[in-house]
Amino acid sequence: MPFLPPNQQHQSTEVKTFITYTVIKHKVRAEPVFVAYRENILKTAKALVEDTKTLVAGAASNQEQLAGAAQSAVMTITRLADCVKHGAASLGSEQPEAQVSV
């Protein structure tokens, strides 16, 4: 399967769909704290899509641009992982399956 640059709207829709499915499947109570984390997860996922686009464009450019794009992508991935961890933790220990799904 050939590599295609990600479509931001498509990726964003996939993340929203996944989170909505997880909430429904596990009957997650929509705690206000989780709602805030969900928004951060979505926002950070969108940023990662943009970083990926920049990384792909940087691959065709010079090494300096590629290195900067790679560094930005790594920081965004780290931030996304933290958002997901905090979001899962906000669900509480009484919802372990939902935590794993998030």
Protein backbone atom coordinates (compact mmCIF):
# COMPACT_ATOMS: atom_id res chain seq x y z
CA MET A 1 0.00 0.00 0.00
CA PRO A 2 1.59 3.32 -1.02
CA PHE A 3 2.23 6.04 1.53
CA LEU A 4 -0.24 8.89 1.18
CA PRO A 5 0.04 12.14 3.13
CA PRO A 6 -2.65 12.15 5.83
CA ASN A 7 -5.85 14.11 5.30
CA GLN A 8 -6.38 16.23 8.40
CA GLN A 9 -10.16 16.15 8.28
CA HIS A 10 -10.20 12.38 7.76
CA GLN A 11 -7.74 11.77 10.59
CA SER A 12 -9.64 14.09 12.92
CA THR A 13 -12.88 12.29 12.13
CA GLU A 14 -11.25 8.93 12.85
CA VAL A 15 -10.00 10.10 16.25
CA LYS A 16 -13.41 11.59 17.15
CA THR A 17 -15.15 8.38 16.03
CA PHE A 18 -12.78 6.23 18.08
CA ILE A 19 -13.25 8.29 21.23
CA THR A 20 -17.04 8.36 20.78
CA TYR A 21 -17.09 4.59 20.25
CA THR A 22 -15.00 4.03 23.38
CA VAL A 23 -17.28 6.25 25.44
CA ILE A 24 -20.40 4.42 24.22
CA LYS A 25 -18.94 0.90 24.33
CA HIS A 26 -17.78 1.22 27.90
CA LYS A 27 -20.63 3.45 29.02
CA VAL A 28 -18.13 6.02 30.17
CA ARG A 29 -19.68 8.71 32.26
CA ALA A 30 -18.90 11.94 30.49
CA GLU A 31 -17.07 13.47 33.39
CA PRO A 32 -16.25 17.13 32.74
CA VAL A 33 -12.57 16.35 33.31
CA PHE A 34 -12.59 13.65 30.62
CA VAL A 35 -14.40 15.95 28.21
CA ALA A 36 -11.58 18.47 28.59
CA TYR A 37 -8.97 15.77 28.00
CA ARG A 38 -10.91 14.52 24.98
CA GLU A 39 -10.70 18.00 23.46
CA ASN A 40 -6.95 18.12 24.17
CA ILE A 41 -6.50 14.70 22.57
CA LEU A 42 -8.34 15.82 19.44
CA LYS A 43 -6.45 19.11 19.25
CA THR A 44 -3.09 17.38 19.70
CA ALA A 45 -3.96 14.68 17.15
CA LYS A 46 -4.71 17.44 14.63
CA ALA A 47 -1.34 19.02 15.42
CA LEU A 48 0.34 15.66 14.82
CA VAL A 49 -1.30 15.43 11.40
CA GLU A 50 0.10 18.86 10.57
CA ASP A 51 3.53 17.87 11.87
CA THR A 52 3.40 14.76 9.69
CA LYS A 53 2.58 16.85 6.63
CA THR A 54 5.53 19.11 7.44
CA LEU A 55 7.76 16.07 7.96
CA VAL A 56 6.80 14.65 4.57
CA ALA A 57 7.44 18.01 2.93
CA GLY A 58 10.70 18.32 4.84
CA ALA A 59 11.88 15.00 3.48
CA ALA A 60 11.99 16.60 0.05
CA SER A 61 13.75 19.70 1.42
CA ASN A 62 17.05 20.20 3.15
CA GLN A 63 18.33 18.34 6.20
CA GLU A 64 17.74 21.29 8.52
CA GLN A 65 14.04 21.51 7.68
CA LEU A 66 13.70 17.74 7.97
CA ALA A 67 15.38 17.74 11.39
CA GLY A 68 13.16 20.56 12.63
CA ALA A 69 10.03 18.80 11.38
CA ALA A 70 11.12 15.54 13.00
CA GLN A 71 11.80 17.25 16.32
CA SER A 72 8.39 18.93 16.23
CA ALA A 73 6.68 15.61 15.44
CA VAL A 74 8.43 13.89 18.36
CA MET A 75 7.33 16.62 20.77
CA THR A 76 3.74 16.41 19.49
CA ILE A 77 3.71 12.61 19.80
CA THR A 78 4.95 12.93 23.38
CA ARG A 79 2.29 15.55 24.13
CA LEU A 80 -0.41 13.33 22.56
CA ALA A 81 0.71 10.36 24.65
CA ASP A 82 0.50 12.49 27.80
CA CYS A 83 -2.98 13.75 26.84
CA VAL A 84 -4.18 10.18 26.29
CA LYS A 85 -2.66 8.99 29.59
CA HIS A 86 -4.27 11.83 31.55
CA GLY A 87 -7.58 11.32 29.78
CA ALA A 88 -7.58 7.62 30.59
CA ALA A 89 -6.63 8.31 34.22
CA SER A 90 -9.46 10.83 34.52
CA LEU A 91 -11.96 8.03 33.88
CA GLY A 92 -11.16 6.56 37.28
CA SER A 93 -10.13 3.09 38.35
CA GLU A 94 -13.72 1.84 38.24
CA GLN A 95 -13.54 1.90 34.42
CA PRO A 96 -10.39 -0.07 33.58
CA GLU A 97 -11.61 -1.32 30.17
CA ALA A 98 -12.42 2.22 29.07
CA GLN A 99 -8.99 3.36 30.30
CA VAL A 100 -7.29 0.72 28.17
CA SER A 101 -9.39 1.62 25.12
CA VAL A 102 -8.55 5.31 25.39
